[in-house]
Amino acid sequence: MSVRSLRAAAAVEALSLLVLLANVFTVHAGPVTSLCEPLHGTAYLAAIAMTWVAPAAASSGARWLALIPGLGAMFALRRLRGASDAAVLTRT
C-alpha cells in the first residue's frame, strides 16, 4: 500500500462528498449525482481496503477510522502518518 494512493483516494472521497453535498443543497442536478455517487463510493471502498492492508494500521487504530464515511480516509491517513513518525523516532 502506498501512502500516495491512499492520499489520492482520501482526496477523491472528500472532494466527491463536497460536490454531492453542494449539489443537494443547491440545484440537485441528476447527472452530477449519478456521476459523483459511484465515484464517492469507489473512493470510500478503495480507501478502506488500502488502510486495512497497511502494516501500521493494526497498531494505530487507523483501520477503524477509515470506516467513517466521508472523512474517515483523511483521519486514517493522519493516524498512519503519526504512527510512522513514532516508529522512526523509536528506531533512532
N, C-alpha and C. Protein backbone atom coordinates (compact mmCIF):
# COMPACT_ATOMS: atom_id res chain seq x y z
N MET A 1 0.84 -1.17 0.00
CA MET A 1 0.00 0.00 0.00
C MET A 1 0.88 1.23 0.00
N SER A 2 0.60 2.12 -0.89
CA SER A 2 1.33 3.36 -1.00
C SER A 2 0.56 4.47 -0.29
N VAL A 3 1.30 5.28 0.43
CA VAL A 3 0.67 6.42 1.10
C VAL A 3 0.13 7.39 0.06
N ARG A 4 0.81 7.46 -1.07
CA ARG A 4 0.36 8.34 -2.14
C ARG A 4 -1.02 7.93 -2.67
N SER A 5 -1.21 6.64 -2.85
CA SER A 5 -2.51 6.17 -3.35
C SER A 5 -3.61 6.36 -2.32
N LEU A 6 -3.29 6.17 -1.05
CA LEU A 6 -4.28 6.42 0.00
C LEU A 6 -4.61 7.90 0.07
N ARG A 7 -3.61 8.74 -0.08
CA ARG A 7 -3.84 10.18 -0.07
C ARG A 7 -4.75 10.58 -1.24
N ALA A 8 -4.53 9.99 -2.42
CA ALA A 8 -5.37 10.29 -3.58
C ALA A 8 -6.80 9.82 -3.35
N ALA A 9 -6.97 8.63 -2.81
CA ALA A 9 -8.32 8.11 -2.54
C ALA A 9 -9.02 8.97 -1.49
N ALA A 10 -8.30 9.43 -0.49
CA ALA A 10 -8.89 10.29 0.54
C ALA A 10 -9.32 11.62 -0.06
N ALA A 11 -8.50 12.16 -0.95
CA ALA A 11 -8.85 13.43 -1.58
C ALA A 11 -10.07 13.29 -2.48
N VAL A 12 -10.12 12.22 -3.26
CA VAL A 12 -11.28 11.99 -4.13
C VAL A 12 -12.53 11.77 -3.30
N GLU A 13 -12.41 11.04 -2.21
CA GLU A 13 -13.56 10.80 -1.34
C GLU A 13 -14.09 12.10 -0.76
N ALA A 14 -13.22 12.93 -0.25
CA ALA A 14 -13.64 14.20 0.36
C ALA A 14 -14.19 15.17 -0.69
N LEU A 15 -13.53 15.26 -1.83
CA LEU A 15 -13.98 16.18 -2.87
C LEU A 15 -15.33 15.75 -3.45
N SER A 16 -15.49 14.46 -3.68
CA SER A 16 -16.77 13.99 -4.21
C SER A 16 -17.90 14.19 -3.20
N LEU A 17 -17.59 14.07 -1.92
CA LEU A 17 -18.60 14.33 -0.90
C LEU A 17 -19.01 15.80 -0.91
N LEU A 18 -18.03 16.69 -1.06
CA LEU A 18 -18.35 18.12 -1.12
C LEU A 18 -19.21 18.45 -2.34
N VAL A 19 -18.90 17.84 -3.47
CA VAL A 19 -19.70 18.07 -4.68
C VAL A 19 -21.12 17.54 -4.49
N LEU A 20 -21.24 16.37 -3.89
CA LEU A 20 -22.57 15.80 -3.66
C LEU A 20 -23.39 16.68 -2.71
N LEU A 21 -22.77 17.15 -1.65
CA LEU A 21 -23.50 18.00 -0.69
C LEU A 21 -23.87 19.34 -1.31
N ALA A 22 -22.95 19.92 -2.08
CA ALA A 22 -23.26 21.18 -2.75
C ALA A 22 -24.40 21.00 -3.74
N ASN A 23 -24.40 19.88 -4.42
CA ASN A 23 -25.47 19.60 -5.38
C ASN A 23 -26.81 19.43 -4.68
N VAL A 24 -26.83 18.74 -3.57
CA VAL A 24 -28.09 18.51 -2.85
C VAL A 24 -28.67 19.82 -2.32
N PHE A 25 -27.81 20.70 -1.83
CA PHE A 25 -28.31 21.92 -1.22
C PHE A 25 -28.50 23.07 -2.21
N THR A 26 -28.18 22.85 -3.50
CA THR A 26 -28.39 23.91 -4.49
C THR A 26 -29.36 23.44 -5.56
N VAL A 27 -28.86 22.98 -6.69
CA VAL A 27 -29.72 22.70 -7.84
C VAL A 27 -30.22 21.26 -7.91
N HIS A 28 -29.57 20.36 -7.25
CA HIS A 28 -29.90 18.93 -7.24
C HIS A 28 -30.01 18.37 -8.66
N ALA A 29 -28.93 18.55 -9.41
CA ALA A 29 -28.87 18.07 -10.79
C ALA A 29 -28.63 16.56 -10.81
N GLY A 30 -29.44 15.85 -11.54
CA GLY A 30 -29.35 14.40 -11.63
C GLY A 30 -28.04 13.89 -12.20
N PRO A 31 -27.51 14.49 -13.28
CA PRO A 31 -26.24 13.99 -13.82
C PRO A 31 -25.06 14.12 -12.85
N VAL A 32 -25.06 15.17 -12.06
CA VAL A 32 -23.98 15.33 -11.07
C VAL A 32 -24.07 14.22 -10.03
N THR A 33 -25.27 13.94 -9.60
CA THR A 33 -25.47 12.87 -8.62
C THR A 33 -25.07 11.51 -9.19
N SER A 34 -25.50 11.24 -10.40
CA SER A 34 -25.22 9.94 -10.99
C SER A 34 -23.74 9.76 -11.32
N LEU A 35 -23.01 10.84 -11.45
CA LEU A 35 -21.56 10.74 -11.67
C LEU A 35 -20.79 10.64 -10.36
N CYS A 36 -21.17 11.45 -9.39
CA CYS A 36 -20.38 11.55 -8.15
C CYS A 36 -20.67 10.45 -7.14
N GLU A 37 -21.89 9.91 -7.12
CA GLU A 37 -22.19 8.86 -6.14
C GLU A 37 -21.32 7.62 -6.32
N PRO A 38 -21.21 7.07 -7.54
CA PRO A 38 -20.34 5.90 -7.70
C PRO A 38 -18.86 6.24 -7.47
N LEU A 39 -18.47 7.44 -7.86
CA LEU A 39 -17.08 7.87 -7.64
C LEU A 39 -16.77 7.94 -6.15
N HIS A 40 -17.70 8.52 -5.39
CA HIS A 40 -17.51 8.63 -3.95
C HIS A 40 -17.49 7.25 -3.29
N GLY A 41 -18.39 6.38 -3.69
CA GLY A 41 -18.43 5.03 -3.12
C GLY A 41 -17.19 4.22 -3.43
N THR A 42 -16.70 4.35 -4.65
CA THR A 42 -15.49 3.63 -5.03
C THR A 42 -14.28 4.15 -4.26
N ALA A 43 -14.18 5.46 -4.13
CA ALA A 43 -13.06 6.04 -3.37
C ALA A 43 -13.13 5.63 -1.91
N TYR A 44 -14.33 5.58 -1.36
CA TYR A 44 -14.53 5.16 0.03
C TYR A 44 -14.07 3.72 0.24
N LEU A 45 -14.51 2.83 -0.63
CA LEU A 45 -14.11 1.42 -0.51
C LEU A 45 -12.63 1.21 -0.77
N ALA A 46 -12.07 1.94 -1.72
CA ALA A 46 -10.64 1.83 -2.00
C ALA A 46 -9.81 2.31 -0.81
N ALA A 47 -10.24 3.39 -0.19
CA ALA A 47 -9.51 3.91 0.97
C ALA A 47 -9.57 2.92 2.14
N ILE A 48 -10.73 2.29 2.33
CA ILE A 48 -10.85 1.28 3.39
C ILE A 48 -9.92 0.11 3.11
N ALA A 49 -9.92 -0.37 1.87
CA ALA A 49 -9.08 -1.51 1.52
C ALA A 49 -7.60 -1.17 1.68
N MET A 50 -7.20 0.00 1.23
CA MET A 50 -5.78 0.38 1.35
C MET A 50 -5.36 0.54 2.81
N THR A 51 -6.27 1.04 3.63
CA THR A 51 -5.93 1.20 5.05
C THR A 51 -5.84 -0.15 5.74
N TRP A 52 -6.73 -1.08 5.40
CA TRP A 52 -6.73 -2.37 6.08
C TRP A 52 -5.52 -3.22 5.73
N VAL A 53 -4.87 -2.98 4.61
CA VAL A 53 -3.68 -3.76 4.26
C VAL A 53 -2.39 -3.07 4.69
N ALA A 54 -2.51 -1.88 5.22
CA ALA A 54 -1.31 -1.16 5.68
C ALA A 54 -0.76 -1.83 6.94
N PRO A 55 0.54 -2.07 7.00
CA PRO A 55 1.11 -2.76 8.17
C PRO A 55 0.96 -1.98 9.47
N ALA A 56 1.06 -0.66 9.42
CA ALA A 56 1.00 0.14 10.64
C ALA A 56 -0.43 0.38 11.10
N ALA A 57 -1.41 0.01 10.30
CA ALA A 57 -2.80 0.32 10.63
C ALA A 57 -3.31 -0.49 11.81
N ALA A 58 -2.83 -1.70 11.98
CA ALA A 58 -3.34 -2.56 13.05
C ALA A 58 -3.04 -1.98 14.42
N SER A 59 -1.84 -1.49 14.61
CA SER A 59 -1.47 -1.00 15.93
C SER A 59 -1.91 0.43 16.17
N SER A 60 -2.19 1.18 15.12
CA SER A 60 -2.52 2.59 15.31
C SER A 60 -4.02 2.87 15.39
N GLY A 61 -4.85 1.90 15.04
CA GLY A 61 -6.29 2.11 15.05
C GLY A 61 -6.81 2.79 13.81
N ALA A 62 -5.98 2.94 12.80
CA ALA A 62 -6.38 3.62 11.57
C ALA A 62 -7.43 2.83 10.80
N ARG A 63 -7.44 1.52 10.98
CA ARG A 63 -8.42 0.69 10.27
C ARG A 63 -9.84 1.09 10.62
N TRP A 64 -10.08 1.34 11.87
CA TRP A 64 -11.42 1.69 12.30
C TRP A 64 -11.77 3.11 11.91
N LEU A 65 -10.80 3.98 11.86
CA LEU A 65 -11.07 5.35 11.43
C LEU A 65 -11.45 5.41 9.95
N ALA A 66 -10.88 4.52 9.15
CA ALA A 66 -11.17 4.51 7.72
C ALA A 66 -12.63 4.16 7.43
N LEU A 67 -13.31 3.55 8.37
CA LEU A 67 -14.71 3.17 8.17
C LEU A 67 -15.68 4.33 8.33
N ILE A 68 -15.22 5.46 8.82
CA ILE A 68 -16.08 6.63 8.97
C ILE A 68 -16.38 7.19 7.59
N PRO A 69 -17.64 7.29 7.21
CA PRO A 69 -17.96 7.78 5.87
C PRO A 69 -17.59 9.26 5.71
N GLY A 70 -17.10 9.59 4.54
CA GLY A 70 -16.81 10.98 4.22
C GLY A 70 -15.37 11.38 4.45
N LEU A 71 -14.97 11.45 5.70
CA LEU A 71 -13.63 11.92 6.03
C LEU A 71 -12.79 10.87 6.74
N GLY A 72 -13.25 9.66 6.80
CA GLY A 72 -12.52 8.61 7.50
C GLY A 72 -11.14 8.33 6.93
N ALA A 73 -11.01 8.41 5.62
CA ALA A 73 -9.71 8.17 5.00
C ALA A 73 -8.71 9.24 5.39
N MET A 74 -9.17 10.47 5.52
CA MET A 74 -8.27 11.56 5.96
C MET A 74 -7.81 11.32 7.40
N PHE A 75 -8.75 10.89 8.25
CA PHE A 75 -8.39 10.60 9.64
C PHE A 75 -7.41 9.43 9.71
N ALA A 76 -7.66 8.39 8.92
CA ALA A 76 -6.77 7.23 8.91
C ALA A 76 -5.40 7.59 8.38
N LEU A 77 -5.36 8.41 7.36
CA LEU A 77 -4.07 8.85 6.81
C LEU A 77 -3.27 9.63 7.84
N ARG A 78 -3.96 10.47 8.58
CA ARG A 78 -3.28 11.23 9.64
C ARG A 78 -2.75 10.31 10.74
N ARG A 79 -3.55 9.30 11.10
CA ARG A 79 -3.14 8.35 12.13
C ARG A 79 -1.95 7.52 11.65
N LEU A 80 -1.97 7.11 10.38
CA LEU A 80 -0.85 6.33 9.83
C LEU A 80 0.41 7.17 9.76
N ARG A 81 0.26 8.43 9.41
CA ARG A 81 1.42 9.31 9.37
C ARG A 81 2.01 9.49 10.77
N GLY A 82 1.15 9.61 11.77
CA GLY A 82 1.62 9.72 13.14
C GLY A 82 2.30 8.44 13.62
N ALA A 83 1.78 7.29 13.20
CA ALA A 83 2.38 6.01 13.58
C ALA A 83 3.73 5.82 12.92
N SER A 84 3.87 6.25 11.67
CA SER A 84 5.16 6.10 11.00
C SER A 84 6.18 7.06 11.57
N ASP A 85 5.75 8.26 11.98
CA ASP A 85 6.67 9.20 12.62
C ASP A 85 7.15 8.67 13.96
N ALA A 86 6.25 8.04 14.71
CA ALA A 86 6.63 7.48 16.00
C ALA A 86 7.58 6.31 15.83
N ALA A 87 7.38 5.51 14.76
CA ALA A 87 8.27 4.37 14.51
C ALA A 87 9.67 4.84 14.16
N VAL A 88 9.75 5.93 13.44
CA VAL A 88 11.07 6.47 13.08
C VAL A 88 11.76 7.00 14.32
N LEU A 89 11.02 7.65 15.21
CA LEU A 89 11.61 8.19 16.42
C LEU A 89 12.12 7.09 17.35
N THR A 90 11.43 5.96 17.43
CA THR A 90 11.84 4.90 18.34
C THR A 90 13.03 4.12 17.79
N ARG A 91 13.25 4.15 16.48
CA ARG A 91 14.39 3.45 15.90
C ARG A 91 15.71 4.15 16.15
N THR A 92 15.67 5.44 16.32
CA THR A 92 16.93 6.20 16.49
C THR A 92 17.38 6.25 17.90
